[in-house]
Amino acid sequence: MTWAAWRVQRSQIIAAMGVVLVFALWLLISGIVTGHNPTFKYWTDADVYVLFALPGVLGLALGAPLIAGESSLGTNRLAWTQSVTRNRWFAFKFLVGGVVTAGIVIALGFLLDWWTGAVSVSALTNSGGFSSAVRIQPTAFDLSGIVVIGYALFAFSLGVALGAVVRRPGWAFALGIPIFAAARIVVQGSLRAHFVAPAIFTNLAGLSNSTLAVDRGWVLHSALLPANRLSPPPGRTWAWSDSTKSYDACRGAPNLSNAGAAHCAALSHLHFVFVYQPESHYWALQGIETAIFLGLGLLLVGLTVMRLKNWRT
């Protein structure tokens, strides 16, 4: 049964592995070049967008034809007439496709971790400070750790479920792209920052005198606030700037030293507040987000099983 599942899916699997191999070679070459020449920048928007999309495209490409491909050809009927139950037929196909998807992404994940580290060195050299290449910050977070496995398996399950509904591989793949993208955007933009309670850092001199932990963390909010507050007053947002008027009037010259800025902030009864996720929260955030996408994937598997029960042969 496992061999039959592999034979049916092998063309999609081989094609997917070929595409991933091309990306892997590009990552390897660019990472080596960057490591030998840190001033050579390989952290561009194009890199990020392609790598953001890769787990989803891979998962959908392997998942969409899993059920829909056999339905469009009618080969599922043959399997079901050979004393093989629908659930067993689906379980073997899903297991083979899921293991292959996970295996490819795990191998790619090790390379992405190494590549992210290489371009972090480049970013540090080019900017003289920390950048979006720090792993807990959104750009690198989505390309490192274990979360890419969750993305890929969620996309795989999504492609399978959509294939069971529309019964056309192309349509299942096309419909899966915006759904996958929406899930990623919602989790990253609205949920991730709240998985673990953020840390708070305050000082009087501003960002130029913040700590290494803030520099290496993911800053969620920062503002100049009244000295007795760690968040904006009721009805105000973090973009609220009324409190800066007396501070600006006090400090006068734009190139005021940290000591002078701190003195002005104290006189104005203000302080700088930074709300951030420290680097130490990286694995906790990774684990929670991975669990969310794996949970969504299991939910989709259940919906697929229910859908298959209602198919008419």
Protein backbone atom coordinates (compact mmCIF):
# COMPACT_ATOMS: atom_id res chain seq x y z
CA MET A 1 0.00 0.00 0.00
CA THR A 2 2.85 2.38 0.87
CA TRP A 3 4.64 1.51 -2.38
CA ALA A 4 1.48 2.18 -4.37
CA ALA A 5 1.06 5.55 -2.67
CA TRP A 6 4.66 6.42 -3.55
CA ARG A 7 4.21 5.35 -7.18
CA VAL A 8 1.16 7.58 -7.61
CA GLN A 9 2.82 10.62 -6.01
CA ARG A 10 6.38 10.18 -7.19
CA SER A 11 6.23 12.63 -10.12
CA GLN A 12 5.07 15.49 -7.87
CA ILE A 13 7.58 14.51 -5.18
CA ILE A 14 10.51 14.35 -7.61
CA ALA A 15 9.53 17.70 -9.16
CA ALA A 16 9.25 19.33 -5.72
CA MET A 17 12.62 17.92 -4.65
CA GLY A 18 14.19 19.28 -7.84
CA VAL A 19 12.87 22.79 -7.20
CA VAL A 20 13.98 22.70 -3.57
CA LEU A 21 17.42 21.48 -4.64
CA VAL A 22 17.80 24.53 -6.89
CA PHE A 23 16.90 26.83 -3.98
CA ALA A 24 19.26 24.91 -1.70
CA LEU A 25 22.16 25.41 -4.11
CA TRP A 26 21.38 29.12 -4.31
CA LEU A 27 21.29 29.40 -0.51
CA LEU A 28 24.56 27.47 -0.23
CA ILE A 29 26.38 29.58 -2.80
CA SER A 30 25.06 32.93 -1.55
CA GLY A 31 25.77 32.01 2.07
CA ILE A 32 29.37 31.01 1.28
CA VAL A 33 29.95 34.18 -0.74
CA THR A 34 28.51 36.30 2.07
CA GLY A 35 30.61 34.50 4.67
CA HIS A 36 33.82 35.24 2.76
CA ASN A 37 32.80 38.80 1.89
CA PRO A 38 30.47 40.20 4.60
CA THR A 39 30.07 43.51 2.78
CA PHE A 40 28.31 41.63 -0.03
CA LYS A 41 24.62 41.86 0.87
CA TYR A 42 22.28 38.89 0.31
CA TRP A 43 19.35 40.02 2.47
CA THR A 44 16.96 41.63 0.00
CA ASP A 45 13.17 41.84 -0.27
CA ALA A 46 13.28 39.36 -3.14
CA ASP A 47 15.15 36.82 -1.00
CA VAL A 48 12.66 37.22 1.83
CA TYR A 49 9.52 36.96 -0.32
CA VAL A 50 10.75 33.85 -2.12
CA LEU A 51 11.76 32.11 1.09
CA PHE A 52 8.55 33.14 2.87
CA ALA A 53 6.54 31.53 0.10
CA LEU A 54 8.65 28.37 -0.27
CA PRO A 55 7.12 26.22 2.55
CA GLY A 56 3.60 27.09 1.41
CA VAL A 57 4.25 26.47 -2.26
CA LEU A 58 6.00 23.18 -1.49
CA GLY A 59 3.22 21.96 0.79
CA LEU A 60 0.43 22.96 -1.58
CA ALA A 61 2.23 21.48 -4.59
CA LEU A 62 2.46 18.10 -2.86
CA GLY A 63 -0.92 18.25 -1.14
CA ALA A 64 -3.25 19.57 -3.84
CA PRO A 65 -2.92 16.55 -6.20
CA LEU A 66 -2.93 13.95 -3.40
CA ILE A 67 -6.71 13.43 -3.51
CA ALA A 68 -7.80 15.70 -6.34
CA GLY A 69 -5.38 14.08 -8.81
CA GLU A 70 -6.81 10.61 -8.29
CA SER A 71 -10.36 11.94 -8.29
CA SER A 72 -9.90 13.70 -11.63
CA LEU A 73 -8.51 10.44 -13.12
CA GLY A 74 -10.98 8.16 -11.36
CA THR A 75 -8.22 5.93 -9.97
CA ASN A 76 -9.62 6.22 -6.46
CA ARG A 77 -12.58 4.05 -7.50
CA LEU A 78 -10.24 1.21 -8.41
CA ALA A 79 -8.55 1.36 -5.01
CA TRP A 80 -11.86 1.39 -3.17
CA THR A 81 -13.10 -1.71 -4.99
CA GLN A 82 -10.02 -3.70 -3.90
CA SER A 83 -11.24 -4.21 -0.31
CA VAL A 84 -9.36 -1.06 0.79
CA THR A 85 -11.39 1.30 2.95
CA ARG A 86 -11.41 5.00 2.15
CA ASN A 87 -9.82 5.89 5.46
CA ARG A 88 -6.99 3.42 5.02
CA TRP A 89 -6.44 4.55 1.42
CA PHE A 90 -6.28 8.18 2.56
CA ALA A 91 -4.11 7.42 5.59
CA PHE A 92 -1.38 5.75 3.54
CA LYS A 93 -1.38 8.47 0.90
CA PHE A 94 -1.33 11.24 3.49
CA LEU A 95 1.41 9.54 5.51
CA VAL A 96 3.72 9.17 2.51
CA GLY A 97 3.13 12.73 1.30
CA GLY A 98 3.40 14.19 4.80
CA VAL A 99 6.64 12.39 5.60
CA VAL A 100 8.20 13.49 2.32
CA THR A 101 7.07 17.09 2.86
CA ALA A 102 8.42 17.15 6.41
CA GLY A 103 11.69 15.51 5.36
CA ILE A 104 12.33 18.04 2.60
CA VAL A 105 11.54 21.00 4.86
CA ILE A 106 13.62 19.68 7.76
CA ALA A 107 16.63 19.35 5.47
CA LEU A 108 15.96 22.79 4.05
CA GLY A 109 15.48 24.17 7.57
CA PHE A 110 19.06 23.32 8.58
CA LEU A 111 20.29 25.17 5.51
CA LEU A 112 18.01 28.14 6.20
CA ASP A 113 19.33 28.38 9.76
CA TRP A 114 22.89 28.45 8.47
CA TRP A 115 22.02 30.94 5.71
CA THR A 116 20.22 33.26 8.13
CA GLY A 117 23.32 33.33 10.30
CA ALA A 118 25.51 34.13 7.29
CA VAL A 119 23.40 37.07 6.15
CA SER A 120 23.18 38.30 9.76
CA VAL A 121 26.94 38.81 9.65
CA SER A 122 26.53 40.73 6.40
CA ALA A 123 23.79 42.90 7.90
CA LEU A 124 25.91 43.66 10.97
CA THR A 125 28.88 44.64 8.83
CA ASN A 126 26.82 46.85 6.52
CA SER A 127 24.81 48.64 9.20
CA GLY A 128 27.19 48.71 12.13
CA GLY A 129 24.41 47.40 14.38
CA PHE A 130 21.73 44.77 14.65
CA SER A 131 19.16 44.40 11.93
CA SER A 132 16.16 42.42 10.79
CA ALA A 133 18.45 39.42 10.44
CA VAL A 134 18.33 38.86 14.25
CA ARG A 135 16.43 35.58 14.55
CA ILE A 136 13.58 36.67 16.82
CA GLN A 137 12.70 39.59 14.55
CA PRO A 138 9.99 38.81 11.96
CA THR A 139 12.13 38.60 8.82
CA ALA A 140 14.49 35.94 10.17
CA PHE A 141 11.95 34.29 12.52
CA ASP A 142 9.88 32.97 9.61
CA LEU A 143 12.96 31.49 7.94
CA SER A 144 14.61 29.72 10.86
CA GLY A 145 13.95 27.25 13.65
CA ILE A 146 11.16 24.67 13.51
CA VAL A 147 8.31 26.92 12.44
CA VAL A 148 8.97 26.29 8.73
CA ILE A 149 7.99 22.65 9.33
CA GLY A 150 4.64 23.80 10.71
CA TYR A 151 4.10 26.09 7.72
CA ALA A 152 4.83 23.34 5.20
CA LEU A 153 2.68 20.66 6.86
CA PHE A 154 -0.19 23.12 7.26
CA ALA A 155 0.06 23.98 3.55
CA PHE A 156 0.20 20.27 2.69
CA SER A 157 -2.95 19.55 4.72
CA LEU A 158 -4.63 22.60 3.23
CA GLY A 159 -3.89 21.43 -0.30
CA VAL A 160 -5.23 17.95 0.51
CA ALA A 161 -8.43 19.34 2.05
CA LEU A 162 -9.09 21.75 -0.81
CA GLY A 163 -8.42 18.94 -3.29
CA ALA A 164 -11.04 16.82 -1.56
CA VAL A 165 -13.54 19.68 -1.91
CA VAL A 166 -12.93 20.98 -5.45
CA ARG A 167 -11.46 17.72 -6.91
CA ARG A 168 -9.17 19.66 -9.26
CA PRO A 169 -5.44 19.91 -8.40
CA GLY A 170 -4.94 23.25 -10.13
CA TRP A 171 -7.89 24.88 -8.43
CA ALA A 172 -6.91 23.42 -5.06
CA PHE A 173 -3.41 24.87 -5.41
CA ALA A 174 -4.70 28.28 -6.55
CA LEU A 175 -7.24 28.52 -3.74
CA GLY A 176 -4.67 27.43 -1.19
CA ILE A 177 -2.25 30.29 -1.88
CA PRO A 178 -4.40 33.17 -0.52
CA ILE A 179 -5.64 31.04 2.40
CA PHE A 180 -2.10 30.10 3.39
CA ALA A 181 -0.94 33.70 3.04
CA ALA A 182 -3.85 34.97 5.13
CA ALA A 183 -3.07 32.50 7.92
CA ARG A 184 0.58 33.56 7.97
CA ILE A 185 -0.33 37.26 8.02
CA VAL A 186 -2.85 36.88 10.85
CA VAL A 187 -0.50 34.84 13.04
CA GLN A 188 2.54 37.06 12.45
CA GLY A 189 0.75 40.39 12.49
CA SER A 190 -1.83 39.88 15.23
CA LEU A 191 -0.97 36.86 17.38
CA ARG A 192 2.76 36.17 17.60
CA ALA A 193 3.62 39.21 19.71
CA HIS A 194 1.19 37.99 22.40
CA PHE A 195 2.24 34.32 22.63
CA VAL A 196 4.61 35.18 25.49
CA ALA A 197 4.39 38.24 27.72
CA PRO A 198 6.87 40.80 26.35
CA ALA A 199 9.61 42.46 28.36
CA ILE A 200 9.69 46.19 29.14
CA PHE A 201 12.76 48.42 29.27
CA THR A 202 12.76 52.07 30.31
CA ASN A 203 15.41 54.77 30.32
CA LEU A 204 15.71 58.54 30.10
CA ALA A 205 18.05 58.92 27.14
CA GLY A 206 16.19 57.09 24.39
CA LEU A 207 17.05 54.34 21.95
CA SER A 208 20.67 55.44 21.61
CA ASN A 209 21.19 54.36 25.22
CA SER A 210 19.11 51.16 25.19
CA THR A 211 20.50 47.81 26.23
CA LEU A 212 21.91 44.99 24.13
CA ALA A 213 18.79 42.96 24.95
CA VAL A 214 16.58 45.58 23.27
CA ASP A 215 18.93 45.85 20.29
CA ARG A 216 18.84 42.08 19.79
CA GLY A 217 15.12 41.77 20.50
CA TRP A 218 11.95 42.36 18.55
CA VAL A 219 10.71 45.83 19.55
CA LEU A 220 6.91 45.85 19.51
CA HIS A 221 6.34 49.39 20.76
CA SER A 222 8.44 52.33 21.83
CA ALA A 223 7.45 55.83 22.90
CA LEU A 224 8.21 58.75 25.16
CA LEU A 225 5.63 58.48 27.96
CA PRO A 226 4.82 60.12 31.28
CA ALA A 227 7.21 58.90 33.98
CA ASN A 228 4.48 57.06 35.86
CA ARG A 229 3.28 55.03 32.85
CA LEU A 230 4.52 51.97 30.95
CA SER A 231 1.82 52.27 28.26
CA PRO A 232 -0.03 55.17 26.58
CA PRO A 233 -2.81 56.86 28.56
CA PRO A 234 -6.38 55.61 27.94
CA GLY A 235 -7.62 56.58 24.50
CA ARG A 236 -4.08 57.12 23.18
CA THR A 237 -1.91 54.92 20.97
CA TRP A 238 1.82 54.29 20.93
CA ALA A 239 2.08 56.93 18.20
CA TRP A 240 0.82 59.58 20.66
CA SER A 241 3.30 62.45 20.66
CA ASP A 242 1.76 65.22 22.81
CA SER A 243 4.08 64.33 25.67
CA THR A 244 7.14 65.16 23.57
CA LYS A 245 6.43 68.90 23.32
CA SER A 246 7.93 69.87 26.67
CA TYR A 247 10.80 67.45 26.12
CA ASP A 248 11.62 68.96 22.71
CA ALA A 249 11.46 72.46 24.12
CA CYS A 250 13.84 71.51 26.90
CA ARG A 251 16.47 69.70 24.94
CA GLY A 252 16.78 72.36 22.21
CA ALA A 253 19.75 71.28 20.09
CA PRO A 254 19.12 68.10 18.03
CA ASN A 255 22.56 66.64 18.84
CA LEU A 256 22.12 66.70 22.58
CA SER A 257 24.19 64.12 24.49
CA ASN A 258 22.59 61.19 26.28
CA ALA A 259 23.20 62.90 29.61
CA GLY A 260 21.49 66.07 28.39
CA ALA A 261 18.56 64.12 26.96
CA ALA A 262 18.16 62.25 30.24
CA HIS A 263 18.19 65.55 32.16
CA CYS A 264 15.47 67.00 29.90
CA ALA A 265 13.35 63.85 30.20
CA ALA A 266 13.61 64.01 33.99
CA LEU A 267 12.65 67.69 34.06
CA SER A 268 9.67 66.95 31.80
CA HIS A 269 8.64 63.97 33.95
CA LEU A 270 8.96 61.66 30.94
CA HIS A 271 10.82 58.47 30.11
CA PHE A 272 11.38 56.23 27.09
CA VAL A 273 9.54 52.91 27.16
CA PHE A 274 10.41 49.92 24.98
CA VAL A 275 8.10 46.89 24.86
CA TYR A 276 9.93 44.01 23.19
CA GLN A 277 10.27 40.26 22.84
CA PRO A 278 13.80 39.41 23.98
CA GLU A 279 15.99 36.94 22.16
CA SER A 280 15.46 34.46 25.01
CA HIS A 281 11.80 34.09 23.96
CA TYR A 282 12.75 32.82 20.49
CA TRP A 283 12.16 29.10 21.07
CA ALA A 284 8.98 29.65 23.07
CA LEU A 285 7.51 31.70 20.23
CA GLN A 286 8.72 29.13 17.69
CA GLY A 287 7.13 26.26 19.59
CA ILE A 288 3.77 27.97 20.05
CA GLU A 289 3.50 29.08 16.43
CA THR A 290 4.53 25.65 15.15
CA ALA A 291 1.89 24.03 17.36
CA ILE A 292 -0.77 26.39 16.00
CA PHE A 293 -0.05 25.50 12.38
CA LEU A 294 0.22 21.78 13.13
CA GLY A 295 -3.10 21.99 14.98
CA LEU A 296 -4.72 23.71 12.01
CA GLY A 297 -3.28 20.98 9.81
CA LEU A 298 -4.82 18.24 11.96
CA LEU A 299 -8.17 20.03 11.83
CA LEU A 300 -7.95 20.04 8.03
CA VAL A 301 -7.15 16.32 8.04
CA GLY A 302 -10.33 15.68 10.01
CA LEU A 303 -12.36 17.76 7.58
CA THR A 304 -10.82 15.83 4.67
CA VAL A 305 -11.82 12.49 6.20
CA MET A 306 -15.37 13.75 6.66
CA ARG A 307 -15.44 14.94 3.07
CA LEU A 308 -14.22 11.61 1.72
CA LYS A 309 -16.99 9.77 3.54
CA ASN A 310 -19.54 11.78 1.55
CA TRP A 311 -17.95 11.14 -1.83
CA ARG A 312 -20.02 9.18 -4.30
CA THR A 313 -18.02 6.71 -6.33
